[in-house]
Amino acid sequence: MIHSTSVGVEIDVRVIPRAAKSSVAGERNGRLLVRLSAPPVEGAANQALIELFSEILGRPRRAIRIVAGEKSRSKRIAVDGLTAAEARSRLTG
């Protein structure tokens, strides 16, 4: 689910768009389950995902990017400047 890289971490996520509110909702099938209030239209859900991770992880938006699954509900997010332990504690705590 959370993998270390040379510049930070990569996180495997499963996105559920059009939820009542945006939040991290646990884990499903080895992926972090993320509910987003934004619809999956014109990149709105992707932007909401980046904003949510920016708030939770305390990183600027420019340090977070989608590296796989941009048009899928299963995505891989890269976060620069963060260790796997820090990411795990902030996402599950």
C-alpha atoms as a PDB file:
ATOM      1  CA  MET A   1       0.000   0.000   0.000  1.00  0.00           C
ATOM      2  CA  ILE A   2       2.750   2.515   0.949  1.00  0.00           C
ATOM      3  CA  HIS A   3       6.114   2.033  -0.757  1.00  0.00           C
ATOM      4  CA  SER A   4       9.336   4.007  -0.219  1.00  0.00           C
ATOM      5  CA  THR A   5      11.027   5.627  -3.228  1.00  0.00           C
ATOM      6  CA  SER A   6      14.257   7.590  -3.610  1.00  0.00           C
ATOM      7  CA  VAL A   7      12.407  10.916  -3.200  1.00  0.00           C
ATOM      8  CA  GLY A   8       9.471   9.988  -0.956  1.00  0.00           C
ATOM      9  CA  VAL A   9       6.661   7.438  -1.070  1.00  0.00           C
ATOM     10  CA  GLU A  10       4.121   5.962  -3.460  1.00  0.00           C
ATOM     11  CA  ILE A  11       0.675   5.085  -2.155  1.00  0.00           C
ATOM     12  CA  ASP A  12      -1.792   2.727  -3.832  1.00  0.00           C
ATOM     13  CA  VAL A  13      -5.334   4.070  -3.481  1.00  0.00           C
ATOM     14  CA  ARG A  14      -8.863   3.076  -4.444  1.00  0.00           C
ATOM     15  CA  VAL A  15     -11.072   6.137  -5.050  1.00  0.00           C
ATOM     16  CA  ILE A  16     -14.811   6.298  -4.502  1.00  0.00           C
ATOM     17  CA  PRO A  17     -16.121   9.540  -6.068  1.00  0.00           C
ATOM     18  CA  ARG A  18     -19.339  11.395  -5.211  1.00  0.00           C
ATOM     19  CA  ALA A  19     -19.179  10.543  -1.496  1.00  0.00           C
ATOM     20  CA  ALA A  20     -20.893  12.666   1.154  1.00  0.00           C
ATOM     21  CA  LYS A  21     -17.504  14.026   2.273  1.00  0.00           C
ATOM     22  CA  SER A  22     -13.861  13.542   1.359  1.00  0.00           C
ATOM     23  CA  SER A  23     -11.928  11.269   3.723  1.00  0.00           C
ATOM     24  CA  VAL A  24      -9.632   8.287   4.058  1.00  0.00           C
ATOM     25  CA  ALA A  25     -11.857   5.314   4.859  1.00  0.00           C
ATOM     26  CA  GLY A  26      -9.443   2.498   5.687  1.00  0.00           C
ATOM     27  CA  GLU A  27      -8.012  -0.193   3.454  1.00  0.00           C
ATOM     28  CA  ARG A  28      -9.457  -2.513   0.817  1.00  0.00           C
ATOM     29  CA  ASN A  29      -7.596  -5.210  -1.126  1.00  0.00           C
ATOM     30  CA  GLY A  30      -4.171  -3.781  -0.277  1.00  0.00           C
ATOM     31  CA  ARG A  31      -5.095  -0.233  -1.276  1.00  0.00           C
ATOM     32  CA  LEU A  32      -5.947   2.812   0.787  1.00  0.00           C
ATOM     33  CA  LEU A  33      -9.672   3.515   0.382  1.00  0.00           C
ATOM     34  CA  VAL A  34     -10.364   7.208  -0.263  1.00  0.00           C
ATOM     35  CA  ARG A  35     -13.837   8.705  -0.512  1.00  0.00           C
ATOM     36  CA  LEU A  36     -14.084  11.976  -2.473  1.00  0.00           C
ATOM     37  CA  SER A  37     -17.008  14.364  -2.635  1.00  0.00           C
ATOM     38  CA  ALA A  38     -15.985  15.451  -6.153  1.00  0.00           C
ATOM     39  CA  PRO A  39     -17.429  13.738  -9.257  1.00  0.00           C
ATOM     40  CA  PRO A  40     -15.106  11.920 -11.694  1.00  0.00           C
ATOM     41  CA  VAL A  41     -15.621  14.584 -14.349  1.00  0.00           C
ATOM     42  CA  GLU A  42     -12.901  16.629 -16.084  1.00  0.00           C
ATOM     43  CA  GLY A  43     -10.273  15.749 -13.481  1.00  0.00           C
ATOM     44  CA  ALA A  44     -12.265  17.097 -10.525  1.00  0.00           C
ATOM     45  CA  ALA A  45     -11.820  13.909  -8.493  1.00  0.00           C
ATOM     46  CA  ASN A  46      -8.076  13.830  -9.220  1.00  0.00           C
ATOM     47  CA  GLN A  47      -7.696  17.420  -8.018  1.00  0.00           C
ATOM     48  CA  ALA A  48      -9.769  16.672  -4.910  1.00  0.00           C
ATOM     49  CA  LEU A  49      -7.551  13.641  -4.227  1.00  0.00           C
ATOM     50  CA  ILE A  50      -4.376  15.746  -4.430  1.00  0.00           C
ATOM     51  CA  GLU A  51      -5.906  18.423  -2.174  1.00  0.00           C
ATOM     52  CA  LEU A  52      -6.998  15.837   0.408  1.00  0.00           C
ATOM     53  CA  PHE A  53      -3.547  14.222   0.518  1.00  0.00           C
ATOM     54  CA  SER A  54      -1.937  17.658   0.757  1.00  0.00           C
ATOM     55  CA  GLU A  55      -4.019  18.461   3.847  1.00  0.00           C
ATOM     56  CA  ILE A  56      -3.588  15.081   5.542  1.00  0.00           C
ATOM     57  CA  LEU A  57       0.123  14.666   4.833  1.00  0.00           C
ATOM     58  CA  GLY A  58       1.102  18.310   5.364  1.00  0.00           C
ATOM     59  CA  ARG A  59       2.832  18.570   1.984  1.00  0.00           C
ATOM     60  CA  PRO A  60       2.335  21.233  -0.691  1.00  0.00           C
ATOM     61  CA  ARG A  61       0.182  20.260  -3.676  1.00  0.00           C
ATOM     62  CA  ARG A  62       3.201  20.426  -5.985  1.00  0.00           C
ATOM     63  CA  ALA A  63       4.824  17.572  -3.986  1.00  0.00           C
ATOM     64  CA  ILE A  64       1.920  15.213  -4.777  1.00  0.00           C
ATOM     65  CA  ARG A  65       1.140  13.713  -8.172  1.00  0.00           C
ATOM     66  CA  ILE A  66      -0.767  10.838  -9.709  1.00  0.00           C
ATOM     67  CA  VAL A  67       1.734   8.493 -11.357  1.00  0.00           C
ATOM     68  CA  ALA A  68      -0.645   5.714 -12.452  1.00  0.00           C
ATOM     69  CA  GLY A  69      -4.381   5.295 -12.985  1.00  0.00           C
ATOM     70  CA  GLU A  70      -5.326   8.883 -13.761  1.00  0.00           C
ATOM     71  CA  LYS A  71      -8.598   7.742 -15.380  1.00  0.00           C
ATOM     72  CA  SER A  72      -9.189   4.762 -13.105  1.00  0.00           C
ATOM     73  CA  ARG A  73     -10.520   4.324  -9.575  1.00  0.00           C
ATOM     74  CA  SER A  74      -7.303   2.462  -8.699  1.00  0.00           C
ATOM     75  CA  LYS A  75      -4.443   4.950  -8.609  1.00  0.00           C
ATOM     76  CA  ARG A  76      -0.847   5.295  -7.450  1.00  0.00           C
ATOM     77  CA  ILE A  77       0.037   8.595  -5.786  1.00  0.00           C
ATOM     78  CA  ALA A  78       3.642   9.824  -5.386  1.00  0.00           C
ATOM     79  CA  VAL A  79       4.443  12.117  -2.474  1.00  0.00           C
ATOM     80  CA  ASP A  80       7.866  13.777  -2.341  1.00  0.00           C
ATOM     81  CA  GLY A  81       9.728  14.475   0.897  1.00  0.00           C
ATOM     82  CA  LEU A  82       7.945  11.981   3.141  1.00  0.00           C
ATOM     83  CA  THR A  83       8.989   8.640   4.619  1.00  0.00           C
ATOM     84  CA  ALA A  84       6.763   5.566   4.594  1.00  0.00           C
ATOM     85  CA  ALA A  85       6.512   5.664   8.400  1.00  0.00           C
ATOM     86  CA  GLU A  86       5.407   9.320   8.385  1.00  0.00           C
ATOM     87  CA  ALA A  87       2.835   8.677   5.663  1.00  0.00           C
ATOM     88  CA  ARG A  88       1.466   5.609   7.453  1.00  0.00           C
ATOM     89  CA  SER A  89       1.074   7.432  10.780  1.00  0.00           C
ATOM     90  CA  ARG A  90      -0.641  10.464   9.212  1.00  0.00           C
ATOM     91  CA  LEU A  91      -2.997   8.424   7.052  1.00  0.00           C
ATOM     92  CA  THR A  92      -4.048   5.938   9.721  1.00  0.00           C
ATOM     93  CA  GLY A  93      -3.811   8.168  12.799  1.00  0.00           C
END
